[in-house]
Amino acid sequence: RKRLPEKFILYQNYPNPFNSSTTIPYHLNIPGDVELSIYDITGRELLRIVKKKQQPGSDTVRLDMSDYSSGLYLYQLRVGKNSQTKKFLFIQ
């Protein structure tokens, strides 16, 4: 059975940990409605930094967390009904 290619890939942010801003890279293999959100460790959405239709290809988002407290956060990329989540550590 042939494995279908992933619809999208969410990469680890860099640098991680970071102390003011970080970059979140991702790649779409299909066009879709894209949302990229930041959550605190309890799952509460803090920011929605991307909400748009996108064509296939690579993209990066620069995230400034200087208004937030140090800690562990989650970021989630949603494309249509599919999602991937990763963690980052913000240290002020």
PDB file of N, CA and C in Angstrom:
ATOM      1  N   ARG A   1       0.838  -1.179   0.000  1.00  0.00           N
ATOM      2  CA  ARG A   1       0.000   0.000   0.000  1.00  0.00           C
ATOM      3  C   ARG A   1       0.883   1.241   0.000  1.00  0.00           C
ATOM      4  N   LYS A   2       0.594   2.165  -0.889  1.00  0.00           N
ATOM      5  CA  LYS A   2       1.390   3.381  -0.996  1.00  0.00           C
ATOM      6  C   LYS A   2       0.948   4.403   0.043  1.00  0.00           C
ATOM      7  N   ARG A   3       1.913   4.971   0.710  1.00  0.00           N
ATOM      8  CA  ARG A   3       1.606   5.991   1.717  1.00  0.00           C
ATOM      9  C   ARG A   3       1.374   7.331   1.022  1.00  0.00           C
ATOM     10  N   LEU A   4       0.295   7.995   1.403  1.00  0.00           N
ATOM     11  CA  LEU A   4       0.001   9.311   0.840  1.00  0.00           C
ATOM     12  C   LEU A   4       0.942  10.345   1.450  1.00  0.00           C
ATOM     13  N   PRO A   5       1.381  11.316   0.676  1.00  0.00           N
ATOM     14  CA  PRO A   5       2.249  12.357   1.244  1.00  0.00           C
ATOM     15  C   PRO A   5       1.473  13.210   2.251  1.00  0.00           C
ATOM     16  N   GLU A   6       2.185  13.748   3.214  1.00  0.00           N
ATOM     17  CA  GLU A   6       1.553  14.632   4.198  1.00  0.00           C
ATOM     18  C   GLU A   6       0.980  15.855   3.484  1.00  0.00           C
ATOM     19  N   LYS A   7      -0.157  16.336   3.972  1.00  0.00           N
ATOM     20  CA  LYS A   7      -0.756  17.544   3.406  1.00  0.00           C
ATOM     21  C   LYS A   7       0.081  18.779   3.742  1.00  0.00           C
ATOM     22  N   PHE A   8       0.724  18.732   4.919  1.00  0.00           N
ATOM     23  CA  PHE A   8       1.569  19.847   5.347  1.00  0.00           C
ATOM     24  C   PHE A   8       2.546  19.348   6.396  1.00  0.00           C
ATOM     25  N   ILE A   9       3.584  20.141   6.633  1.00  0.00           N
ATOM     26  CA  ILE A   9       4.593  19.821   7.636  1.00  0.00           C
ATOM     27  C   ILE A   9       4.791  21.062   8.505  1.00  0.00           C
ATOM     28  N   LEU A  10       4.687  20.881   9.808  1.00  0.00           N
ATOM     29  CA  LEU A  10       5.002  21.936  10.760  1.00  0.00           C
ATOM     30  C   LEU A  10       6.374  21.618  11.344  1.00  0.00           C
ATOM     31  N   TYR A  11       7.314  22.534  11.164  1.00  0.00           N
ATOM     32  CA  TYR A  11       8.674  22.320  11.661  1.00  0.00           C
ATOM     33  C   TYR A  11       8.833  22.926  13.050  1.00  0.00           C
ATOM     34  N   GLN A  12       9.903  22.513  13.738  1.00  0.00           N
ATOM     35  CA  GLN A  12      10.214  23.094  15.048  1.00  0.00           C
ATOM     36  C   GLN A  12      10.661  24.541  14.861  1.00  0.00           C
ATOM     37  N   ASN A  13      10.202  25.392  15.748  1.00  0.00           N
ATOM     38  CA  ASN A  13      10.618  26.797  15.693  1.00  0.00           C
ATOM     39  C   ASN A  13      12.114  26.917  15.991  1.00  0.00           C
ATOM     40  N   TYR A  14      12.672  28.026  15.578  1.00  0.00           N
ATOM     41  CA  TYR A  14      14.083  28.303  15.869  1.00  0.00           C
ATOM     42  C   TYR A  14      14.269  29.794  16.099  1.00  0.00           C
ATOM     43  N   PRO A  15      15.118  30.231  17.032  1.00  0.00           N
ATOM     44  CA  PRO A  15      15.757  29.360  18.023  1.00  0.00           C
ATOM     45  C   PRO A  15      14.731  28.859  19.038  1.00  0.00           C
ATOM     46  N   ASN A  16      15.089  27.817  19.741  1.00  0.00           N
ATOM     47  CA  ASN A  16      14.246  27.244  20.786  1.00  0.00           C
ATOM     48  C   ASN A  16      15.156  26.583  21.810  1.00  0.00           C
ATOM     49  N   PRO A  17      15.166  27.052  23.062  1.00  0.00           N
ATOM     50  CA  PRO A  17      14.373  28.154  23.613  1.00  0.00           C
ATOM     51  C   PRO A  17      14.825  29.518  23.064  1.00  0.00           C
ATOM     52  N   PHE A  18      13.975  30.525  23.292  1.00  0.00           N
ATOM     53  CA  PHE A  18      14.278  31.877  22.802  1.00  0.00           C
ATOM     54  C   PHE A  18      13.888  32.892  23.868  1.00  0.00           C
ATOM     55  N   ASN A  19      14.397  34.142  23.725  1.00  0.00           N
ATOM     56  CA  ASN A  19      14.118  35.139  24.757  1.00  0.00           C
ATOM     57  C   ASN A  19      13.375  36.373  24.268  1.00  0.00           C
ATOM     58  N   SER A  20      13.039  36.481  23.004  1.00  0.00           N
ATOM     59  CA  SER A  20      12.170  37.582  22.570  1.00  0.00           C
ATOM     60  C   SER A  20      11.347  37.169  21.357  1.00  0.00           C
ATOM     61  N   SER A  21      12.029  36.753  20.289  1.00  0.00           N
ATOM     62  CA  SER A  21      11.275  36.340  19.106  1.00  0.00           C
ATOM     63  C   SER A  21      11.851  35.047  18.540  1.00  0.00           C
ATOM     64  N   THR A  22      11.008  34.358  17.775  1.00  0.00           N
ATOM     65  CA  THR A  22      11.371  33.080  17.179  1.00  0.00           C
ATOM     66  C   THR A  22      10.715  32.980  15.808  1.00  0.00           C
ATOM     67  N   THR A  23      11.162  32.038  15.015  1.00  0.00           N
ATOM     68  CA  THR A  23      10.612  31.813  13.681  1.00  0.00           C
ATOM     69  C   THR A  23       9.967  30.435  13.636  1.00  0.00           C
ATOM     70  N   ILE A  24       8.755  30.379  13.078  1.00  0.00           N
ATOM     71  CA  ILE A  24       8.025  29.119  12.932  1.00  0.00           C
ATOM     72  C   ILE A  24       7.906  28.815  11.439  1.00  0.00           C
ATOM     73  N   PRO A  25       8.592  27.772  10.961  1.00  0.00           N
ATOM     74  CA  PRO A  25       8.504  27.400   9.551  1.00  0.00           C
ATOM     75  C   PRO A  25       7.478  26.280   9.324  1.00  0.00           C
ATOM     76  N   TYR A  26       6.850  26.305   8.145  1.00  0.00           N
ATOM     77  CA  TYR A  26       5.955  25.217   7.754  1.00  0.00           C
ATOM     78  C   TYR A  26       5.921  25.104   6.238  1.00  0.00           C
ATOM     79  N   HIS A  27       5.402  23.980   5.769  1.00  0.00           N
ATOM     80  CA  HIS A  27       5.340  23.722   4.331  1.00  0.00           C
ATOM     81  C   HIS A  27       4.000  23.079   3.996  1.00  0.00           C
ATOM     82  N   LEU A  28       3.330  23.604   2.981  1.00  0.00           N
ATOM     83  CA  LEU A  28       2.073  23.026   2.499  1.00  0.00           C
ATOM     84  C   LEU A  28       2.327  22.259   1.210  1.00  0.00           C
ATOM     85  N   ASN A  29       1.781  21.048   1.130  1.00  0.00           N
ATOM     86  CA  ASN A  29       1.836  20.277  -0.114  1.00  0.00           C
ATOM     87  C   ASN A  29       0.573  20.441  -0.942  1.00  0.00           C
ATOM     88  N   ILE A  30      -0.471  21.015  -0.335  1.00  0.00           N
ATOM     89  CA  ILE A  30      -1.736  21.263  -1.020  1.00  0.00           C
ATOM     90  C   ILE A  30      -2.201  22.668  -0.649  1.00  0.00           C
ATOM     91  N   PRO A  31      -3.047  23.294  -1.475  1.00  0.00           N
ATOM     92  CA  PRO A  31      -3.606  24.581  -1.067  1.00  0.00           C
ATOM     93  C   PRO A  31      -4.611  24.365   0.060  1.00  0.00           C
ATOM     94  N   GLY A  32      -4.812  25.372   0.891  1.00  0.00           N
ATOM     95  CA  GLY A  32      -5.793  25.208   1.963  1.00  0.00           C
ATOM     96  C   GLY A  32      -5.959  26.439   2.818  1.00  0.00           C
ATOM     97  N   ASP A  33      -6.966  26.365   3.698  1.00  0.00           N
ATOM     98  CA  ASP A  33      -7.208  27.403   4.699  1.00  0.00           C
ATOM     99  C   ASP A  33      -6.280  27.132   5.878  1.00  0.00           C
ATOM    100  N   VAL A  34      -5.377  28.058   6.133  1.00  0.00           N
ATOM    101  CA  VAL A  34      -4.313  27.861   7.116  1.00  0.00           C
ATOM    102  C   VAL A  34      -4.568  28.739   8.339  1.00  0.00           C
ATOM    103  N   GLU A  35      -4.418  28.139   9.520  1.00  0.00           N
ATOM    104  CA  GLU A  35      -4.441  28.885  10.778  1.00  0.00           C
ATOM    105  C   GLU A  35      -3.256  28.436  11.617  1.00  0.00           C
ATOM    106  N   LEU A  36      -2.534  29.400  12.158  1.00  0.00           N
ATOM    107  CA  LEU A  36      -1.428  29.114  13.068  1.00  0.00           C
ATOM    108  C   LEU A  36      -1.706  29.859  14.363  1.00  0.00           C
ATOM    109  N   SER A  37      -1.841  29.100  15.454  1.00  0.00           N
ATOM    110  CA  SER A  37      -2.209  29.686  16.743  1.00  0.00           C
ATOM    111  C   SER A  37      -1.196  29.323  17.816  1.00  0.00           C
ATOM    112  N   ILE A  38      -1.108  30.203  18.821  1.00  0.00           N
ATOM    113  CA  ILE A  38      -0.248  29.999  19.983  1.00  0.00           C
ATOM    114  C   ILE A  38      -1.153  29.764  21.189  1.00  0.00           C
ATOM    115  N   TYR A  39      -0.802  28.755  22.003  1.00  0.00           N
ATOM    116  CA  TYR A  39      -1.588  28.397  23.183  1.00  0.00           C
ATOM    117  C   TYR A  39      -0.691  28.372  24.407  1.00  0.00           C
ATOM    118  N   ASP A  40      -1.285  28.683  25.571  1.00  0.00           N
ATOM    119  CA  ASP A  40      -0.537  28.447  26.802  1.00  0.00           C
ATOM    120  C   ASP A  40      -0.612  26.956  27.118  1.00  0.00           C
ATOM    121  N   ILE A  41       0.067  26.534  28.163  1.00  0.00           N
ATOM    122  CA  ILE A  41       0.188  25.107  28.449  1.00  0.00           C
ATOM    123  C   ILE A  41      -1.149  24.489  28.876  1.00  0.00           C
ATOM    124  N   THR A  42      -2.126  25.324  29.277  1.00  0.00           N
ATOM    125  CA  THR A  42      -3.454  24.802  29.633  1.00  0.00           C
ATOM    126  C   THR A  42      -4.345  24.623  28.407  1.00  0.00           C
ATOM    127  N   GLY A  43      -3.859  25.075  27.241  1.00  0.00           N
ATOM    128  CA  GLY A  43      -4.640  24.934  26.013  1.00  0.00           C
ATOM    129  C   GLY A  43      -5.452  26.158  25.643  1.00  0.00           C
ATOM    130  N   ARG A  44      -5.275  27.255  26.374  1.00  0.00           N
ATOM    131  CA  ARG A  44      -5.997  28.495  26.068  1.00  0.00           C
ATOM    132  C   ARG A  44      -5.303  29.213  24.909  1.00  0.00           C
ATOM    133  N   GLU A  45      -6.080  29.553  23.883  1.00  0.00           N
ATOM    134  CA  GLU A  45      -5.501  30.252  22.728  1.00  0.00           C
ATOM    135  C   GLU A  45      -5.138  31.680  23.121  1.00  0.00           C
ATOM    136  N   LEU A  46      -3.884  32.064  22.845  1.00  0.00           N
ATOM    137  CA  LEU A  46      -3.393  33.405  23.160  1.00  0.00           C
ATOM    138  C   LEU A  46      -3.339  34.288  21.926  1.00  0.00           C
ATOM    139  N   LEU A  47      -2.917  33.727  20.824  1.00  0.00           N
ATOM    140  CA  LEU A  47      -2.720  34.476  19.577  1.00  0.00           C
ATOM    141  C   LEU A  47      -3.091  33.606  18.395  1.00  0.00           C
ATOM    142  N   ARG A  48      -3.661  34.220  17.386  1.00  0.00           N
ATOM    143  CA  ARG A  48      -3.801  33.555  16.089  1.00  0.00           C
ATOM    144  C   ARG A  48      -2.976  34.395  15.121  1.00  0.00           C
ATOM    145  N   ILE A  49      -1.810  33.873  14.740  1.00  0.00           N
ATOM    146  CA  ILE A  49      -0.863  34.695  13.984  1.00  0.00           C
ATOM    147  C   ILE A  49      -0.985  34.515  12.478  1.00  0.00           C
ATOM    148  N   VAL A  50      -1.673  33.461  12.038  1.00  0.00           N
ATOM    149  CA  VAL A  50      -1.952  33.274  10.605  1.00  0.00           C
ATOM    150  C   VAL A  50      -3.393  32.815  10.479  1.00  0.00           C
ATOM    151  N   LYS A  51      -4.122  33.407   9.543  1.00  0.00           N
ATOM    152  CA  LYS A  51      -5.465  32.940   9.181  1.00  0.00           C
ATOM    153  C   LYS A  51      -5.696  33.388   7.750  1.00  0.00           C
ATOM    154  N   LYS A  52      -5.382  32.481   6.798  1.00  0.00           N
ATOM    155  CA  LYS A  52      -5.504  32.860   5.390  1.00  0.00           C
ATOM    156  C   LYS A  52      -5.504  31.624   4.502  1.00  0.00           C
ATOM    157  N   LYS A  53      -5.960  31.803   3.283  1.00  0.00           N
ATOM    158  CA  LYS A  53      -5.838  30.755   2.267  1.00  0.00           C
ATOM    159  C   LYS A  53      -4.418  30.811   1.728  1.00  0.00           C
ATOM    160  N   GLN A  54      -3.799  29.639   1.562  1.00  0.00           N
ATOM    161  CA  GLN A  54      -2.435  29.606   1.045  1.00  0.00           C
ATOM    162  C   GLN A  54      -2.294  28.550  -0.035  1.00  0.00           C
ATOM    163  N   GLN A  55      -1.409  28.829  -0.954  1.00  0.00           N
ATOM    164  CA  GLN A  55      -1.056  27.879  -2.002  1.00  0.00           C
ATOM    165  C   GLN A  55       0.082  26.993  -1.493  1.00  0.00           C
ATOM    166  N   PRO A  56       0.334  25.863  -2.155  1.00  0.00           N
ATOM    167  CA  PRO A  56       1.440  24.993  -1.739  1.00  0.00           C
ATOM    168  C   PRO A  56       2.774  25.740  -1.724  1.00  0.00           C
ATOM    169  N   GLY A  57       3.633  25.344  -0.802  1.00  0.00           N
ATOM    170  CA  GLY A  57       4.956  25.945  -0.703  1.00  0.00           C
ATOM    171  C   GLY A  57       5.357  26.149   0.744  1.00  0.00           C
ATOM    172  N   SER A  58       6.553  26.684   0.932  1.00  0.00           N
ATOM    173  CA  SER A  58       7.103  26.912   2.268  1.00  0.00           C
ATOM    174  C   SER A  58       6.817  28.333   2.728  1.00  0.00           C
ATOM    175  N   ASP A  59       6.668  28.490   4.034  1.00  0.00           N
ATOM    176  CA  ASP A  59       6.434  29.808   4.615  1.00  0.00           C
ATOM    177  C   ASP A  59       7.055  29.834   6.009  1.00  0.00           C
ATOM    178  N   THR A  60       7.333  31.028   6.506  1.00  0.00           N
ATOM    179  CA  THR A  60       7.803  31.195   7.881  1.00  0.00           C
ATOM    180  C   THR A  60       7.037  32.345   8.511  1.00  0.00           C
ATOM    181  N   VAL A  61       6.861  32.259   9.819  1.00  0.00           N
ATOM    182  CA  VAL A  61       6.199  33.314  10.580  1.00  0.00           C
ATOM    183  C   VAL A  61       7.126  33.707  11.720  1.00  0.00           C
ATOM    184  N   ARG A  62       7.347  34.993  11.873  1.00  0.00           N
ATOM    185  CA  ARG A  62       8.160  35.504  12.984  1.00  0.00           C
ATOM    186  C   ARG A  62       7.212  35.824  14.134  1.00  0.00           C
ATOM    187  N   LEU A  63       7.534  35.333  15.309  1.00  0.00           N
ATOM    188  CA  LEU A  63       6.675  35.499  16.477  1.00  0.00           C
ATOM    189  C   LEU A  63       7.423  36.257  17.559  1.00  0.00           C
ATOM    190  N   ASP A  64       6.832  37.357  18.037  1.00  0.00           N
ATOM    191  CA  ASP A  64       7.394  38.150  19.128  1.00  0.00           C
ATOM    192  C   ASP A  64       6.585  37.847  20.388  1.00  0.00           C
ATOM    193  N   MET A  65       7.241  37.326  21.419  1.00  0.00           N
ATOM    194  CA  MET A  65       6.561  36.950  22.666  1.00  0.00           C
ATOM    195  C   MET A  65       6.921  37.890  23.816  1.00  0.00           C
ATOM    196  N   SER A  66       7.466  39.065  23.521  1.00  0.00           N
ATOM    197  CA  SER A  66       7.978  39.938  24.583  1.00  0.00           C
ATOM    198  C   SER A  66       6.889  40.423  25.543  1.00  0.00           C
ATOM    199  N   ASP A  67       5.612  40.364  25.164  1.00  0.00           N
ATOM    200  CA  ASP A  67       4.523  40.774  26.058  1.00  0.00           C
ATOM    201  C   ASP A  67       4.022  39.635  26.941  1.00  0.00           C
ATOM    202  N   TYR A  68       4.623  38.458  26.823  1.00  0.00           N
ATOM    203  CA  TYR A  68       4.152  37.279  27.556  1.00  0.00           C
ATOM    204  C   TYR A  68       5.170  36.839  28.602  1.00  0.00           C
ATOM    205  N   SER A  69       4.720  36.004  29.530  1.00  0.00           N
ATOM    206  CA  SER A  69       5.581  35.481  30.595  1.00  0.00           C
ATOM    207  C   SER A  69       6.423  34.329  30.082  1.00  0.00           C
ATOM    208  N   SER A  70       7.564  34.121  30.728  1.00  0.00           N
ATOM    209  CA  SER A  70       8.397  32.960  30.415  1.00  0.00           C
ATOM    210  C   SER A  70       7.605  31.685  30.648  1.00  0.00           C
ATOM    211  N   GLY A  71       7.879  30.669  29.835  1.00  0.00           N
ATOM    212  CA  GLY A  71       7.211  29.389  30.048  1.00  0.00           C
ATOM    213  C   GLY A  71       7.157  28.548  28.796  1.00  0.00           C
ATOM    214  N   LEU A  72       6.486  27.421  28.949  1.00  0.00           N
ATOM    215  CA  LEU A  72       6.294  26.480  27.852  1.00  0.00           C
ATOM    216  C   LEU A  72       4.988  26.826  27.144  1.00  0.00           C
ATOM    217  N   TYR A  73       5.030  26.918  25.827  1.00  0.00           N
ATOM    218  CA  TYR A  73       3.855  27.243  25.021  1.00  0.00           C
ATOM    219  C   TYR A  73       3.711  26.209  23.908  1.00  0.00           C
ATOM    220  N   LEU A  74       2.514  26.140  23.353  1.00  0.00           N
ATOM    221  CA  LEU A  74       2.224  25.260  22.222  1.00  0.00           C
ATOM    222  C   LEU A  74       1.924  26.117  21.006  1.00  0.00           C
ATOM    223  N   TYR A  75       2.286  25.613  19.839  1.00  0.00           N
ATOM    224  CA  TYR A  75       1.833  26.245  18.603  1.00  0.00           C
ATOM    225  C   TYR A  75       1.237  25.176  17.714  1.00  0.00           C
ATOM    226  N   GLN A  76       0.132  25.534  17.063  1.00  0.00           N
ATOM    227  CA  GLN A  76      -0.619  24.563  16.273  1.00  0.00           C
ATOM    228  C   GLN A  76      -0.907  25.132  14.892  1.00  0.00           C
ATOM    229  N   LEU A  77      -0.601  24.315  13.888  1.00  0.00           N
ATOM    230  CA  LEU A  77      -0.919  24.646  12.504  1.00  0.00           C
ATOM    231  C   LEU A  77      -2.115  23.809  12.094  1.00  0.00           C
ATOM    232  N   ARG A  78      -3.160  24.481  11.609  1.00  0.00           N
ATOM    233  CA  ARG A  78      -4.345  23.792  11.100  1.00  0.00           C
ATOM    234  C   ARG A  78      -4.484  24.096   9.619  1.00  0.00           C
ATOM    235  N   VAL A  79      -4.682  23.052   8.848  1.00  0.00           N
ATOM    236  CA  VAL A  79      -4.964  23.196   7.420  1.00  0.00           C
ATOM    237  C   VAL A  79      -6.227  22.380   7.178  1.00  0.00           C
ATOM    238  N   GLY A  80      -7.341  23.081   6.930  1.00  0.00           N
ATOM    239  CA  GLY A  80      -8.616  22.376   6.822  1.00  0.00           C
ATOM    240  C   GLY A  80      -8.939  21.714   8.154  1.00  0.00           C
ATOM    241  N   LYS A  81      -9.205  20.400   8.120  1.00  0.00           N
ATOM    242  CA  LYS A  81      -9.567  19.661   9.343  1.00  0.00           C
ATOM    243  C   LYS A  81      -8.370  18.976   9.995  1.00  0.00           C
ATOM    244  N   ASN A  82      -7.190  19.155   9.430  1.00  0.00           N
ATOM    245  CA  ASN A  82      -5.984  18.505   9.953  1.00  0.00           C
ATOM    246  C   ASN A  82      -5.156  19.501  10.751  1.00  0.00           C
ATOM    247  N   SER A  83      -4.440  18.991  11.765  1.00  0.00           N
ATOM    248  CA  SER A  83      -3.600  19.883  12.567  1.00  0.00           C
ATOM    249  C   SER A  83      -2.361  19.154  13.064  1.00  0.00           C
ATOM    250  N   GLN A  84      -1.343  19.943  13.349  1.00  0.00           N
ATOM    251  CA  GLN A  84      -0.120  19.469  14.006  1.00  0.00           C
ATOM    252  C   GLN A  84       0.226  20.481  15.087  1.00  0.00           C
ATOM    253  N   THR A  85       0.747  19.977  16.203  1.00  0.00           N
ATOM    254  CA  THR A  85       1.084  20.831  17.340  1.00  0.00           C
ATOM    255  C   THR A  85       2.510  20.553  17.791  1.00  0.00           C
ATOM    256  N   LYS A  86       3.225  21.609  18.137  1.00  0.00           N
ATOM    257  CA  LYS A  86       4.574  21.494  18.695  1.00  0.00           C
ATOM    258  C   LYS A  86       4.687  22.440  19.890  1.00  0.00           C
ATOM    259  N   LYS A  87       5.796  22.308  20.638  1.00  0.00           N
ATOM    260  CA  LYS A  87       6.033  23.121  21.836  1.00  0.00           C
ATOM    261  C   LYS A  87       7.258  24.005  21.643  1.00  0.00           C
ATOM    262  N   PHE A  88       7.263  25.140  22.358  1.00  0.00           N
ATOM    263  CA  PHE A  88       8.481  25.934  22.455  1.00  0.00           C
ATOM    264  C   PHE A  88       8.616  26.491  23.862  1.00  0.00           C
ATOM    265  N   LEU A  89       9.846  26.872  24.194  1.00  0.00           N
ATOM    266  CA  LEU A  89      10.146  27.420  25.509  1.00  0.00           C
ATOM    267  C   LEU A  89      10.581  28.871  25.353  1.00  0.00           C
ATOM    268  N   PHE A  90       9.831  29.761  26.002  1.00  0.00           N
ATOM    269  CA  PHE A  90      10.123  31.189  25.982  1.00  0.00           C
ATOM    270  C   PHE A  90      10.731  31.570  27.328  1.00  0.00           C
ATOM    271  N   ILE A  91      11.919  32.170  27.303  1.00  0.00           N
ATOM    272  CA  ILE A  91      12.623  32.565  28.524  1.00  0.00           C
ATOM    273  C   ILE A  91      12.959  34.047  28.434  1.00  0.00           C
ATOM    274  N   GLN A  92      12.364  34.849  29.315  1.00  0.00           N
ATOM    275  CA  GLN A  92      12.618  36.297  29.291  1.00  0.00           C
ATOM    276  C   GLN A  92      13.895  36.646  30.004  1.00  0.00           C
TER     277      GLN A  92
END
